[in-house]
């Protein structure tokens, strides 16, 4: 799972908090955080849509994370 964002983004801070809280209930599942400012392709693709949560490199969420939806996506 990947959180795409950038420094100083308050929605990214909110997304990080939700991800951390949800993933506490899913041992072995983690997320990496990437700044769109470090990758020209990501910046071009997501400049106006951050934060973005990717699951298996596919867009799951843009802007605000729905905690229940994320939990459903992670439940086998």
N, C-alpha and C. Protein backbone atom coordinates (compact mmCIF):
# COMPACT_ATOMS: atom_id res chain seq x y z
N UNK A 1 0.85 -1.16 0.00
CA UNK A 1 0.00 0.00 0.00
C UNK A 1 0.91 1.23 0.00
N UNK A 2 0.47 2.24 -0.74
CA UNK A 2 1.26 3.45 -0.87
C UNK A 2 0.38 4.67 -0.65
N UNK A 3 0.91 5.63 0.08
CA UNK A 3 0.27 6.92 0.26
C UNK A 3 1.07 7.93 -0.54
N UNK A 4 0.43 8.52 -1.54
CA UNK A 4 1.06 9.57 -2.33
C UNK A 4 0.61 10.92 -1.80
N UNK A 5 1.55 11.79 -1.57
CA UNK A 5 1.22 13.11 -1.06
C UNK A 5 2.37 14.06 -1.29
N UNK A 6 2.42 15.09 -0.45
CA UNK A 6 3.54 16.02 -0.49
C UNK A 6 3.63 16.71 0.86
N UNK A 7 4.79 17.24 1.17
CA UNK A 7 4.96 17.94 2.45
C UNK A 7 4.01 19.14 2.54
N UNK A 8 3.50 19.36 3.75
CA UNK A 8 2.63 20.50 4.00
C UNK A 8 1.19 20.30 3.59
N UNK A 9 0.82 19.11 3.20
CA UNK A 9 -0.55 18.80 2.76
C UNK A 9 -1.35 18.31 3.97
N UNK A 10 -2.33 19.12 4.43
CA UNK A 10 -3.09 18.72 5.61
C UNK A 10 -3.97 17.50 5.36
N UNK A 11 -4.48 17.34 4.14
CA UNK A 11 -5.25 16.13 3.84
C UNK A 11 -4.36 14.89 3.86
N UNK A 12 -3.10 15.06 3.49
CA UNK A 12 -2.15 13.95 3.55
C UNK A 12 -1.90 13.56 5.01
N UNK A 13 -1.81 14.55 5.87
CA UNK A 13 -1.65 14.27 7.30
C UNK A 13 -2.85 13.49 7.83
N UNK A 14 -4.05 13.90 7.43
CA UNK A 14 -5.27 13.19 7.84
C UNK A 14 -5.25 11.76 7.31
N UNK A 15 -4.86 11.58 6.06
CA UNK A 15 -4.82 10.25 5.45
C UNK A 15 -3.83 9.35 6.18
N UNK A 16 -2.68 9.90 6.52
CA UNK A 16 -1.66 9.13 7.25
C UNK A 16 -2.22 8.64 8.59
N UNK A 17 -2.95 9.49 9.29
CA UNK A 17 -3.54 9.10 10.57
C UNK A 17 -4.55 7.97 10.41
N UNK A 18 -5.40 8.07 9.39
CA UNK A 18 -6.40 7.02 9.15
C UNK A 18 -5.71 5.71 8.77
N UNK A 19 -4.73 5.79 7.87
CA UNK A 19 -4.01 4.58 7.48
C UNK A 19 -3.35 3.92 8.68
N UNK A 20 -2.70 4.70 9.50
CA UNK A 20 -2.02 4.16 10.68
C UNK A 20 -3.02 3.48 11.61
N UNK A 21 -4.16 4.11 11.83
CA UNK A 21 -5.17 3.54 12.73
C UNK A 21 -5.76 2.25 12.15
N UNK A 22 -6.10 2.25 10.89
CA UNK A 22 -6.70 1.06 10.27
C UNK A 22 -5.69 -0.08 10.22
N UNK A 23 -4.46 0.22 9.80
CA UNK A 23 -3.48 -0.85 9.65
C UNK A 23 -3.04 -1.45 10.98
N UNK A 24 -3.32 -0.77 12.08
CA UNK A 24 -3.05 -1.37 13.39
C UNK A 24 -3.85 -2.65 13.58
N UNK A 25 -4.97 -2.76 12.88
CA UNK A 25 -5.82 -3.95 12.97
C UNK A 25 -5.49 -5.01 11.92
N UNK A 26 -4.48 -4.74 11.09
CA UNK A 26 -4.09 -5.66 10.03
C UNK A 26 -2.59 -5.92 10.11
N UNK A 27 -2.18 -6.78 11.06
CA UNK A 27 -0.75 -7.08 11.20
C UNK A 27 -0.16 -7.57 9.88
N UNK A 28 1.01 -7.12 9.60
CA UNK A 28 1.68 -7.53 8.37
C UNK A 28 1.38 -6.64 7.18
N UNK A 29 0.42 -5.76 7.31
CA UNK A 29 0.11 -4.82 6.24
C UNK A 29 0.70 -3.47 6.63
N UNK A 30 1.46 -2.90 5.72
CA UNK A 30 2.09 -1.61 5.99
C UNK A 30 1.90 -0.70 4.78
N UNK A 31 2.25 0.55 4.95
CA UNK A 31 2.21 1.45 3.82
C UNK A 31 3.52 2.20 3.72
N UNK A 32 3.86 2.55 2.51
CA UNK A 32 5.00 3.42 2.28
C UNK A 32 4.45 4.77 1.83
N UNK A 33 5.18 5.79 2.11
CA UNK A 33 4.75 7.13 1.74
C UNK A 33 5.71 7.67 0.69
N UNK A 34 5.13 8.24 -0.36
CA UNK A 34 5.94 8.82 -1.43
C UNK A 34 5.45 10.23 -1.71
N UNK A 35 6.38 11.13 -1.92
CA UNK A 35 6.05 12.50 -2.26
C UNK A 35 5.96 12.62 -3.78
N UNK A 36 4.88 13.22 -4.25
CA UNK A 36 4.74 13.42 -5.70
C UNK A 36 5.78 14.42 -6.20
N UNK A 37 6.36 15.19 -5.30
CA UNK A 37 7.38 16.17 -5.69
C UNK A 37 8.69 15.51 -6.08
N UNK A 38 8.87 14.25 -5.70
CA UNK A 38 10.10 13.53 -6.00
C UNK A 38 10.04 12.75 -7.31
N UNK A 39 8.90 12.75 -7.97
CA UNK A 39 8.72 11.96 -9.18
C UNK A 39 7.89 12.74 -10.19
N UNK A 40 8.49 13.19 -11.28
CA UNK A 40 7.75 14.00 -12.26
C UNK A 40 6.49 13.32 -12.80
N UNK A 41 6.50 12.01 -12.95
CA UNK A 41 5.32 11.31 -13.45
C UNK A 41 4.18 11.35 -12.43
N UNK A 42 4.52 11.13 -11.17
CA UNK A 42 3.51 11.21 -10.11
C UNK A 42 2.97 12.63 -9.98
N UNK A 43 3.85 13.61 -10.07
CA UNK A 43 3.43 15.01 -9.99
C UNK A 43 2.47 15.34 -11.11
N UNK A 44 2.79 14.89 -12.31
CA UNK A 44 1.92 15.15 -13.46
C UNK A 44 0.56 14.46 -13.29
N UNK A 45 0.58 13.25 -12.79
CA UNK A 45 -0.65 12.46 -12.68
C UNK A 45 -1.55 12.90 -11.53
N UNK A 46 -0.94 13.31 -10.40
CA UNK A 46 -1.72 13.50 -9.18
C UNK A 46 -1.60 14.89 -8.55
N UNK A 47 -1.10 15.86 -9.25
CA UNK A 47 -0.85 17.18 -8.66
C UNK A 47 -2.08 17.77 -7.97
N UNK A 48 -3.26 17.53 -8.52
CA UNK A 48 -4.49 18.11 -7.97
C UNK A 48 -5.34 17.11 -7.22
N UNK A 49 -4.81 15.90 -6.96
CA UNK A 49 -5.64 14.85 -6.39
C UNK A 49 -5.11 14.25 -5.09
N UNK A 50 -4.08 14.81 -4.51
CA UNK A 50 -3.51 14.20 -3.32
C UNK A 50 -4.35 14.49 -2.08
N UNK A 51 -4.30 13.61 -1.13
CA UNK A 51 -3.55 12.36 -1.10
C UNK A 51 -4.23 11.27 -1.93
N UNK A 52 -3.41 10.33 -2.34
CA UNK A 52 -3.89 9.17 -3.09
C UNK A 52 -3.40 7.93 -2.36
N UNK A 53 -4.29 6.98 -2.17
CA UNK A 53 -3.90 5.69 -1.58
C UNK A 53 -3.95 4.66 -2.70
N UNK A 54 -2.84 3.97 -2.87
CA UNK A 54 -2.74 2.88 -3.85
C UNK A 54 -2.71 1.56 -3.10
N UNK A 55 -3.50 0.63 -3.56
CA UNK A 55 -3.44 -0.75 -3.07
C UNK A 55 -3.07 -1.60 -4.26
N UNK A 56 -1.97 -2.33 -4.13
CA UNK A 56 -1.45 -3.14 -5.24
C UNK A 56 -1.27 -2.27 -6.49
N UNK A 57 -0.75 -1.06 -6.29
CA UNK A 57 -0.45 -0.11 -7.36
C UNK A 57 -1.68 0.37 -8.13
N UNK A 58 -2.86 0.20 -7.55
CA UNK A 58 -4.10 0.69 -8.15
C UNK A 58 -4.72 1.73 -7.22
N UNK A 59 -5.28 2.76 -7.80
CA UNK A 59 -5.88 3.82 -7.00
C UNK A 59 -7.06 3.26 -6.22
N UNK A 60 -7.01 3.44 -4.91
CA UNK A 60 -8.12 3.05 -4.04
C UNK A 60 -8.90 4.29 -3.59
N UNK A 61 -8.18 5.34 -3.23
CA UNK A 61 -8.80 6.53 -2.67
C UNK A 61 -8.07 7.78 -3.14
N UNK A 62 -8.84 8.81 -3.39
CA UNK A 62 -8.30 10.14 -3.67
C UNK A 62 -8.93 11.09 -2.66
N UNK A 63 -8.14 11.97 -2.12
CA UNK A 63 -8.50 13.04 -1.18
C UNK A 63 -8.78 12.53 0.23
N UNK A 64 -9.95 11.98 0.52
CA UNK A 64 -10.27 11.58 1.88
C UNK A 64 -10.52 10.07 1.94
N UNK A 65 -9.92 9.44 2.94
CA UNK A 65 -10.05 8.00 3.10
C UNK A 65 -11.34 7.68 3.84
N UNK A 66 -12.12 6.79 3.27
CA UNK A 66 -13.29 6.24 3.95
C UNK A 66 -12.79 5.01 4.71
N UNK A 67 -12.73 5.13 6.03
CA UNK A 67 -12.15 4.07 6.85
C UNK A 67 -12.84 2.72 6.63
N UNK A 68 -14.16 2.71 6.57
CA UNK A 68 -14.90 1.45 6.39
C UNK A 68 -14.57 0.83 5.04
N UNK A 69 -14.50 1.64 4.01
CA UNK A 69 -14.17 1.13 2.67
C UNK A 69 -12.76 0.54 2.64
N UNK A 70 -11.83 1.22 3.30
CA UNK A 70 -10.46 0.71 3.36
C UNK A 70 -10.43 -0.61 4.10
N UNK A 71 -11.13 -0.69 5.21
CA UNK A 71 -11.17 -1.97 5.96
C UNK A 71 -11.73 -3.11 5.10
N UNK A 72 -12.78 -2.82 4.33
CA UNK A 72 -13.35 -3.84 3.45
C UNK A 72 -12.33 -4.28 2.41
N UNK A 73 -11.59 -3.35 1.88
CA UNK A 73 -10.60 -3.68 0.86
C UNK A 73 -9.46 -4.54 1.41
N UNK A 74 -9.19 -4.41 2.69
CA UNK A 74 -8.09 -5.15 3.31
C UNK A 74 -8.52 -6.47 3.93
N UNK A 75 -9.81 -6.69 4.05
CA UNK A 75 -10.31 -7.91 4.66
C UNK A 75 -10.36 -9.01 3.61
N UNK A 76 -9.69 -10.13 3.92
CA UNK A 76 -9.68 -11.24 2.93
C UNK A 76 -11.04 -11.88 2.73
